[in-house]
Amino acid sequence: MQDEDESPRALGYTLGDDLSRLSVGDLEALAARLRAEADRVDTERRRKENAIGGAAALFKN
């Protein structure tokens, strides 16, 4: 589990917030965290797509 200091919320940021108040370093850190989260979401989406595909193949036969 992540430390609270490592989350986007620790920067005082939620999706859609104004980015102009963040420093360049904060923006870089936020971008890295958001990319990691996007990767995590994509991994879960692929896992679910594979499960659905497996179930569909089972019922086709």
C-alpha atoms as a PDB file:
ATOM      1  CA  MET A   1       0.000   0.000   0.000  1.00  0.00           C
ATOM      2  CA  GLN A   2       1.230   3.515  -0.756  1.00  0.00           C
ATOM      3  CA  ASP A   3       2.214   5.987   1.900  1.00  0.00           C
ATOM      4  CA  GLU A   4      -0.145   8.937   2.033  1.00  0.00           C
ATOM      5  CA  ASP A   5       2.801  11.192   1.084  1.00  0.00           C
ATOM      6  CA  GLU A   6       3.101   9.377  -2.253  1.00  0.00           C
ATOM      7  CA  SER A   7      -0.488   9.846  -3.422  1.00  0.00           C
ATOM      8  CA  PRO A   8      -1.719  12.624  -5.729  1.00  0.00           C
ATOM      9  CA  ARG A   9      -4.007  13.702  -2.879  1.00  0.00           C
ATOM     10  CA  ALA A  10      -0.889  14.325  -0.743  1.00  0.00           C
ATOM     11  CA  LEU A  11      -0.021  17.061  -3.228  1.00  0.00           C
ATOM     12  CA  GLY A  12      -3.437  18.552  -2.590  1.00  0.00           C
ATOM     13  CA  TYR A  13      -4.575  17.474  -6.048  1.00  0.00           C
ATOM     14  CA  THR A  14      -7.674  15.715  -7.330  1.00  0.00           C
ATOM     15  CA  LEU A  15      -8.499  15.114 -10.980  1.00  0.00           C
ATOM     16  CA  GLY A  16      -9.602  18.309 -12.667  1.00  0.00           C
ATOM     17  CA  ASP A  17      -7.981  20.663 -10.140  1.00  0.00           C
ATOM     18  CA  ASP A  18      -6.086  23.775 -11.214  1.00  0.00           C
ATOM     19  CA  LEU A  19      -2.478  22.806 -11.903  1.00  0.00           C
ATOM     20  CA  SER A  20      -1.076  26.344 -11.960  1.00  0.00           C
ATOM     21  CA  ARG A  21      -0.346  26.343  -8.223  1.00  0.00           C
ATOM     22  CA  LEU A  22       1.895  23.258  -8.403  1.00  0.00           C
ATOM     23  CA  SER A  23       5.657  23.591  -8.829  1.00  0.00           C
ATOM     24  CA  VAL A  24       7.519  21.971 -11.699  1.00  0.00           C
ATOM     25  CA  GLY A  25       8.743  19.262  -9.327  1.00  0.00           C
ATOM     26  CA  ASP A  26       5.238  18.643  -8.035  1.00  0.00           C
ATOM     27  CA  LEU A  27       3.924  18.434 -11.607  1.00  0.00           C
ATOM     28  CA  GLU A  28       6.629  15.911 -12.529  1.00  0.00           C
ATOM     29  CA  ALA A  29       5.849  13.820  -9.458  1.00  0.00           C
ATOM     30  CA  LEU A  30       2.121  14.003 -10.142  1.00  0.00           C
ATOM     31  CA  ALA A  31       2.612  13.006 -13.786  1.00  0.00           C
ATOM     32  CA  ALA A  32       4.677   9.983 -12.728  1.00  0.00           C
ATOM     33  CA  ARG A  33       2.020   8.918 -10.221  1.00  0.00           C
ATOM     34  CA  LEU A  34      -0.762   9.363 -12.746  1.00  0.00           C
ATOM     35  CA  ARG A  35       1.146   7.300 -15.352  1.00  0.00           C
ATOM     36  CA  ALA A  36       1.629   4.535 -12.770  1.00  0.00           C
ATOM     37  CA  GLU A  37      -2.076   4.635 -11.930  1.00  0.00           C
ATOM     38  CA  ALA A  38      -3.016   4.548 -15.628  1.00  0.00           C
ATOM     39  CA  ASP A  39      -0.797   1.464 -16.028  1.00  0.00           C
ATOM     40  CA  ARG A  40      -2.519  -0.161 -13.054  1.00  0.00           C
ATOM     41  CA  VAL A  41      -5.958   0.587 -14.528  1.00  0.00           C
ATOM     42  CA  ASP A  42      -4.929  -0.808 -17.933  1.00  0.00           C
ATOM     43  CA  THR A  43      -3.587  -3.987 -16.316  1.00  0.00           C
ATOM     44  CA  GLU A  44      -6.879  -4.560 -14.508  1.00  0.00           C
ATOM     45  CA  ARG A  45      -8.883  -3.820 -17.669  1.00  0.00           C
ATOM     46  CA  ARG A  46      -6.837  -6.378 -19.632  1.00  0.00           C
ATOM     47  CA  ARG A  47      -7.289  -8.943 -16.843  1.00  0.00           C
ATOM     48  CA  LYS A  48     -11.050  -8.498 -16.992  1.00  0.00           C
ATOM     49  CA  GLU A  49     -11.129  -8.596 -20.792  1.00  0.00           C
ATOM     50  CA  ASN A  50      -9.204 -11.879 -20.711  1.00  0.00           C
ATOM     51  CA  ALA A  51     -11.627 -13.328 -18.169  1.00  0.00           C
ATOM     52  CA  ILE A  52     -14.612 -12.296 -20.304  1.00  0.00           C
ATOM     53  CA  GLY A  53     -12.958 -13.764 -23.401  1.00  0.00           C
ATOM     54  CA  GLY A  54     -12.306 -17.031 -21.578  1.00  0.00           C
ATOM     55  CA  ALA A  55     -15.894 -17.254 -20.398  1.00  0.00           C
ATOM     56  CA  ALA A  56     -17.208 -16.477 -23.894  1.00  0.00           C
ATOM     57  CA  ALA A  57     -15.011 -19.192 -25.393  1.00  0.00           C
ATOM     58  CA  LEU A  58     -16.267 -21.690 -22.824  1.00  0.00           C
ATOM     59  CA  PHE A  59     -19.905 -21.081 -23.731  1.00  0.00           C
ATOM     60  CA  LYS A  60     -19.299 -21.164 -27.508  1.00  0.00           C
ATOM     61  CA  ASN A  61     -18.316 -24.821 -27.410  1.00  0.00           C
END
